[in-house]
PDB file of N, CA and C in Angstrom:
ATOM      1  N   MET A   1     -34.400   2.561   7.176  1.00  0.00           N
ATOM      2  CA  MET A   1     -35.492   3.134   6.433  1.00  0.00           C
ATOM      3  C   MET A   1     -35.612   2.377   5.113  1.00  0.00           C
ATOM      4  N   ASN A   2     -36.819   1.925   4.795  1.00  0.00           N
ATOM      5  CA  ASN A   2     -37.017   1.154   3.566  1.00  0.00           C
ATOM      6  C   ASN A   2     -37.708   2.008   2.495  1.00  0.00           C
ATOM      7  N   VAL A   3     -37.937   1.399   1.356  1.00  0.00           N
ATOM      8  CA  VAL A   3     -38.511   2.112   0.218  1.00  0.00           C
ATOM      9  C   VAL A   3     -39.915   2.615   0.535  1.00  0.00           C
ATOM     10  N   GLN A   4     -40.691   1.835   1.252  1.00  0.00           N
ATOM     11  CA  GLN A   4     -42.058   2.241   1.607  1.00  0.00           C
ATOM     12  C   GLN A   4     -42.037   3.495   2.482  1.00  0.00           C
ATOM     13  N   ASP A   5     -41.114   3.566   3.428  1.00  0.00           N
ATOM     14  CA  ASP A   5     -41.004   4.745   4.287  1.00  0.00           C
ATOM     15  C   ASP A   5     -40.646   5.988   3.475  1.00  0.00           C
ATOM     16  N   ILE A   6     -39.736   5.842   2.541  1.00  0.00           N
ATOM     17  CA  ILE A   6     -39.327   6.976   1.706  1.00  0.00           C
ATOM     18  C   ILE A   6     -40.480   7.420   0.813  1.00  0.00           C
ATOM     19  N   THR A   7     -41.198   6.463   0.232  1.00  0.00           N
ATOM     20  CA  THR A   7     -42.349   6.785  -0.610  1.00  0.00           C
ATOM     21  C   THR A   7     -43.412   7.525   0.190  1.00  0.00           C
ATOM     22  N   THR A   8     -43.655   7.088   1.404  1.00  0.00           N
ATOM     23  CA  THR A   8     -44.632   7.751   2.267  1.00  0.00           C
ATOM     24  C   THR A   8     -44.194   9.175   2.587  1.00  0.00           C
ATOM     25  N   LEU A   9     -42.914   9.366   2.897  1.00  0.00           N
ATOM     26  CA  LEU A   9     -42.413  10.713   3.185  1.00  0.00           C
ATOM     27  C   LEU A   9     -42.545  11.633   1.974  1.00  0.00           C
ATOM     28  N   VAL A  10     -42.176  11.137   0.803  1.00  0.00           N
ATOM     29  CA  VAL A  10     -42.238  11.962  -0.404  1.00  0.00           C
ATOM     30  C   VAL A  10     -43.681  12.338  -0.713  1.00  0.00           C
ATOM     31  N   SER A  11     -44.597  11.393  -0.573  1.00  0.00           N
ATOM     32  CA  SER A  11     -45.996  11.694  -0.901  1.00  0.00           C
ATOM     33  C   SER A  11     -46.641  12.607   0.138  1.00  0.00           C
ATOM     34  N   SER A  12     -46.199  12.547   1.395  1.00  0.00           N
ATOM     35  CA  SER A  12     -46.823  13.388   2.416  1.00  0.00           C
ATOM     36  C   SER A  12     -46.142  14.747   2.558  1.00  0.00           C
ATOM     37  N   LEU A  13     -44.822  14.814   2.380  1.00  0.00           N
ATOM     38  CA  LEU A  13     -44.103  16.076   2.566  1.00  0.00           C
ATOM     39  C   LEU A  13     -43.721  16.753   1.253  1.00  0.00           C
ATOM     40  N   GLY A  14     -43.503  15.988   0.253  1.00  0.00           N
ATOM     41  CA  GLY A  14     -43.062  16.532  -1.019  1.00  0.00           C
ATOM     42  C   GLY A  14     -41.593  16.229  -1.242  1.00  0.00           C
ATOM     43  N   PHE A  15     -41.253  16.060  -2.526  1.00  0.00           N
ATOM     44  CA  PHE A  15     -39.893  15.674  -2.867  1.00  0.00           C
ATOM     45  C   PHE A  15     -38.844  16.695  -2.423  1.00  0.00           C
ATOM     46  N   PRO A  16     -39.050  18.011  -2.645  1.00  0.00           N
ATOM     47  CA  PRO A  16     -38.000  18.963  -2.254  1.00  0.00           C
ATOM     48  C   PRO A  16     -37.660  18.931  -0.767  1.00  0.00           C
ATOM     49  N   ILE A  17     -38.647  18.740   0.077  1.00  0.00           N
ATOM     50  CA  ILE A  17     -38.398  18.697   1.523  1.00  0.00           C
ATOM     51  C   ILE A  17     -37.633  17.432   1.892  1.00  0.00           C
ATOM     52  N   VAL A  18     -38.031  16.304   1.329  1.00  0.00           N
ATOM     53  CA  VAL A  18     -37.340  15.041   1.614  1.00  0.00           C
ATOM     54  C   VAL A  18     -35.913  15.085   1.079  1.00  0.00           C
ATOM     55  N   ALA A  19     -35.745  15.625  -0.132  1.00  0.00           N
ATOM     56  CA  ALA A  19     -34.410  15.728  -0.720  1.00  0.00           C
ATOM     57  C   ALA A  19     -33.522  16.652   0.106  1.00  0.00           C
ATOM     58  N   SER A  20     -34.075  17.765   0.568  1.00  0.00           N
ATOM     59  CA  SER A  20     -33.304  18.688   1.411  1.00  0.00           C
ATOM     60  C   SER A  20     -32.887  18.012   2.712  1.00  0.00           C
ATOM     61  N   GLY A  21     -33.766  17.262   3.308  1.00  0.00           N
ATOM     62  CA  GLY A  21     -33.438  16.539   4.537  1.00  0.00           C
ATOM     63  C   GLY A  21     -32.345  15.504   4.311  1.00  0.00           C
ATOM     64  N   ALA A  22     -32.438  14.791   3.192  1.00  0.00           N
ATOM     65  CA  ALA A  22     -31.427  13.784   2.879  1.00  0.00           C
ATOM     66  C   ALA A  22     -30.070  14.438   2.635  1.00  0.00           C
ATOM     67  N   LEU A  23     -30.062  15.562   1.924  1.00  0.00           N
ATOM     68  CA  LEU A  23     -28.798  16.267   1.670  1.00  0.00           C
ATOM     69  C   LEU A  23     -28.208  16.822   2.961  1.00  0.00           C
ATOM     70  N   PHE A  24     -29.056  17.319   3.860  1.00  0.00           N
ATOM     71  CA  PHE A  24     -28.583  17.814   5.151  1.00  0.00           C
ATOM     72  C   PHE A  24     -27.936  16.682   5.945  1.00  0.00           C
ATOM     73  N   TRP A  25     -28.608  15.537   5.986  1.00  0.00           N
ATOM     74  CA  TRP A  25     -28.078  14.387   6.722  1.00  0.00           C
ATOM     75  C   TRP A  25     -26.745  13.945   6.130  1.00  0.00           C
ATOM     76  N   SER A  26     -26.671  13.886   4.800  1.00  0.00           N
ATOM     77  CA  SER A  26     -25.435  13.487   4.129  1.00  0.00           C
ATOM     78  C   SER A  26     -24.308  14.468   4.444  1.00  0.00           C
ATOM     79  N   ASN A  27     -24.614  15.748   4.408  1.00  0.00           N
ATOM     80  CA  ASN A  27     -23.616  16.777   4.717  1.00  0.00           C
ATOM     81  C   ASN A  27     -23.135  16.655   6.156  1.00  0.00           C
ATOM     82  N   LEU A  28     -24.035  16.367   7.063  1.00  0.00           N
ATOM     83  CA  LEU A  28     -23.677  16.206   8.471  1.00  0.00           C
ATOM     84  C   LEU A  28     -22.736  15.020   8.664  1.00  0.00           C
ATOM     85  N   LYS A  29     -23.044  13.895   8.035  1.00  0.00           N
ATOM     86  CA  LYS A  29     -22.198  12.706   8.154  1.00  0.00           C
ATOM     87  C   LYS A  29     -20.823  12.941   7.525  1.00  0.00           C
ATOM     88  N   THR A  30     -20.791  13.639   6.393  1.00  0.00           N
ATOM     89  CA  THR A  30     -19.518  13.950   5.743  1.00  0.00           C
ATOM     90  C   THR A  30     -18.675  14.844   6.643  1.00  0.00           C
ATOM     91  N   SER A  31     -19.297  15.815   7.257  1.00  0.00           N
ATOM     92  CA  SER A  31     -18.587  16.723   8.163  1.00  0.00           C
ATOM     93  C   SER A  31     -18.009  15.964   9.353  1.00  0.00           C
ATOM     94  N   GLU A  32     -18.771  15.045   9.906  1.00  0.00           N
ATOM     95  CA  GLU A  32     -18.277  14.235  11.022  1.00  0.00           C
ATOM     96  C   GLU A  32     -17.079  13.392  10.586  1.00  0.00           C
ATOM     97  N   HIS A  33     -17.147  12.833   9.391  1.00  0.00           N
ATOM     98  CA  HIS A  33     -16.040  12.024   8.874  1.00  0.00           C
ATOM     99  C   HIS A  33     -14.790  12.880   8.702  1.00  0.00           C
ATOM    100  N   TYR A  34     -14.941  14.079   8.134  1.00  0.00           N
ATOM    101  CA  TYR A  34     -13.793  14.966   7.932  1.00  0.00           C
ATOM    102  C   TYR A  34     -13.190  15.402   9.263  1.00  0.00           C
ATOM    103  N   THR A  35     -14.025  15.661  10.246  1.00  0.00           N
ATOM    104  CA  THR A  35     -13.524  16.045  11.569  1.00  0.00           C
ATOM    105  C   THR A  35     -12.684  14.917  12.168  1.00  0.00           C
ATOM    106  N   LYS A  36     -13.161  13.694  12.046  1.00  0.00           N
ATOM    107  CA  LYS A  36     -12.416  12.547  12.563  1.00  0.00           C
ATOM    108  C   LYS A  36     -11.086  12.393  11.825  1.00  0.00           C
ATOM    109  N   THR A  37     -11.118  12.541  10.510  1.00  0.00           N
ATOM    110  CA  THR A  37      -9.902  12.410   9.709  1.00  0.00           C
ATOM    111  C   THR A  37      -8.888  13.489  10.077  1.00  0.00           C
ATOM    112  N   ILE A  38      -9.336  14.713  10.251  1.00  0.00           N
ATOM    113  CA  ILE A  38      -8.445  15.816  10.620  1.00  0.00           C
ATOM    114  C   ILE A  38      -7.838  15.579  11.997  1.00  0.00           C
ATOM    115  N   ASP A  39      -8.622  15.076  12.930  1.00  0.00           N
ATOM    116  CA  ASP A  39      -8.080  14.775  14.260  1.00  0.00           C
ATOM    117  C   ASP A  39      -6.996  13.697  14.187  1.00  0.00           C
ATOM    118  N   GLU A  40      -7.216  12.676  13.351  1.00  0.00           N
ATOM    119  CA  GLU A  40      -6.206  11.631  13.192  1.00  0.00           C
ATOM    120  C   GLU A  40      -4.941  12.196  12.543  1.00  0.00           C
ATOM    121  N   MET A  41      -5.116  13.068  11.561  1.00  0.00           N
ATOM    122  CA  MET A  41      -3.956  13.679  10.906  1.00  0.00           C
ATOM    123  C   MET A  41      -3.191  14.575  11.874  1.00  0.00           C
ATOM    124  N   ARG A  42      -3.903  15.313  12.722  1.00  0.00           N
ATOM    125  CA  ARG A  42      -3.260  16.176  13.714  1.00  0.00           C
ATOM    126  C   ARG A  42      -2.397  15.346  14.655  1.00  0.00           C
ATOM    127  N   LYS A  43      -2.926  14.201  15.101  1.00  0.00           N
ATOM    128  CA  LYS A  43      -2.172  13.323  15.997  1.00  0.00           C
ATOM    129  C   LYS A  43      -0.915  12.807  15.304  1.00  0.00           C
ATOM    130  N   THR A  44      -1.048  12.415  14.050  1.00  0.00           N
ATOM    131  CA  THR A  44       0.108  11.914  13.297  1.00  0.00           C
ATOM    132  C   THR A  44       1.159  13.001  13.131  1.00  0.00           C
ATOM    133  N   ILE A  45       0.743  14.203  12.812  1.00  0.00           N
ATOM    134  CA  ILE A  45       1.686  15.314  12.653  1.00  0.00           C
ATOM    135  C   ILE A  45       2.381  15.631  13.967  1.00  0.00           C
ATOM    136  N   GLU A  46       1.632  15.613  15.070  1.00  0.00           N
ATOM    137  CA  GLU A  46       2.246  15.862  16.378  1.00  0.00           C
ATOM    138  C   GLU A  46       3.289  14.796  16.699  1.00  0.00           C
ATOM    139  N   ASP A  47       2.956  13.526  16.397  1.00  0.00           N
ATOM    140  CA  ASP A  47       3.915  12.431  16.634  1.00  0.00           C
ATOM    141  C   ASP A  47       5.157  12.609  15.766  1.00  0.00           C
ATOM    142  N   ASN A  48       4.963  12.953  14.500  1.00  0.00           N
ATOM    143  CA  ASN A  48       6.102  13.162  13.604  1.00  0.00           C
ATOM    144  C   ASN A  48       6.962  14.347  14.050  1.00  0.00           C
ATOM    145  N   THR A  49       6.342  15.390  14.544  1.00  0.00           N
ATOM    146  CA  THR A  49       7.077  16.552  15.037  1.00  0.00           C
ATOM    147  C   THR A  49       7.935  16.162  16.238  1.00  0.00           C
ATOM    148  N   LEU A  50       7.378  15.374  17.135  1.00  0.00           N
ATOM    149  CA  LEU A  50       8.124  14.926  18.311  1.00  0.00           C
ATOM    150  C   LEU A  50       9.332  14.082  17.908  1.00  0.00           C
ATOM    151  N   VAL A  51       9.127  13.147  16.992  1.00  0.00           N
ATOM    152  CA  VAL A  51      10.221  12.290  16.545  1.00  0.00           C
ATOM    153  C   VAL A  51      11.293  13.119  15.838  1.00  0.00           C
ATOM    154  N   THR A  52      10.891  14.067  15.020  1.00  0.00           N
ATOM    155  CA  THR A  52      11.851  14.929  14.332  1.00  0.00           C
ATOM    156  C   THR A  52      12.663  15.733  15.331  1.00  0.00           C
ATOM    157  N   LYS A  53      12.019  16.270  16.353  1.00  0.00           N
ATOM    158  CA  LYS A  53      12.737  17.034  17.385  1.00  0.00           C
ATOM    159  C   LYS A  53      13.731  16.141  18.114  1.00  0.00           C
ATOM    160  N   GLN A  54      13.322  14.926  18.437  1.00  0.00           N
ATOM    161  CA  GLN A  54      14.229  14.002  19.109  1.00  0.00           C
ATOM    162  C   GLN A  54      15.429  13.672  18.222  1.00  0.00           C
ATOM    163  N   LEU A  55      15.195  13.503  16.948  1.00  0.00           N
ATOM    164  CA  LEU A  55      16.279  13.209  16.020  1.00  0.00           C
ATOM    165  C   LEU A  55      17.236  14.393  15.910  1.00  0.00           C
ATOM    166  N   ILE A  56      16.711  15.590  15.832  1.00  0.00           N
ATOM    167  CA  ILE A  56      17.560  16.787  15.778  1.00  0.00           C
ATOM    168  C   ILE A  56      18.381  16.907  17.048  1.00  0.00           C
ATOM    169  N   ASP A  57      17.753  16.695  18.205  1.00  0.00           N
ATOM    170  CA  ASP A  57      18.479  16.767  19.476  1.00  0.00           C
ATOM    171  C   ASP A  57      19.608  15.737  19.522  1.00  0.00           C
ATOM    172  N   LYS A  58      19.345  14.519  19.049  1.00  0.00           N
ATOM    173  CA  LYS A  58      20.361  13.479  19.052  1.00  0.00           C
ATOM    174  C   LYS A  58      21.512  13.851  18.122  1.00  0.00           C
ATOM    175  N   LEU A  59      21.203  14.368  16.949  1.00  0.00           N
ATOM    176  CA  LEU A  59      22.264  14.774  16.015  1.00  0.00           C
ATOM    177  C   LEU A  59      23.078  15.919  16.570  1.00  0.00           C
ATOM    178  N   GLU A  60      22.453  16.870  17.238  1.00  0.00           N
ATOM    179  CA  GLU A  60      23.185  17.987  17.837  1.00  0.00           C
ATOM    180  C   GLU A  60      24.106  17.491  18.943  1.00  0.00           C
ATOM    181  N   ASN A  61      23.633  16.554  19.746  1.00  0.00           N
ATOM    182  CA  ASN A  61      24.466  15.985  20.821  1.00  0.00           C
ATOM    183  C   ASN A  61      25.659  15.219  20.260  1.00  0.00           C
ATOM    184  N   GLU A  62      25.475  14.512  19.154  1.00  0.00           N
ATOM    185  CA  GLU A  62      26.588  13.783  18.543  1.00  0.00           C
ATOM    186  C   GLU A  62      27.616  14.745  17.963  1.00  0.00           C
ATOM    187  N   ASN A  63      27.173  15.845  17.416  1.00  0.00           N
ATOM    188  CA  ASN A  63      28.086  16.831  16.827  1.00  0.00           C
ATOM    189  C   ASN A  63      28.874  17.571  17.917  1.00  0.00           C
ATOM    190  N   LYS A  64      28.283  17.721  19.101  1.00  0.00           N
ATOM    191  CA  LYS A  64      28.986  18.409  20.197  1.00  0.00           C
ATOM    192  C   LYS A  64      30.041  17.506  20.833  1.00  0.00           C
ATOM    193  N   GLY A  65      29.748  16.237  20.871  1.00  0.00           N
ATOM    194  CA  GLY A  65      30.617  15.317  21.609  1.00  0.00           C
ATOM    195  C   GLY A  65      31.575  14.619  20.809  1.00  0.00           C
TER     196      GLY A  65
END
């Protein structure tokens, strides 16, 4: 979208409507980014939990034997 397209939208729809649409789009993209980031963090935490459990199991086995 170029400057001419934005100018046309503002003059035909009005600034508040165009601004609201832009803010909605920005909010949607931010939400998608946060969802992706949270999914990546969840995977990392699950991996760390697995490694920690394996380490605890190994230490318990060494203490028994």
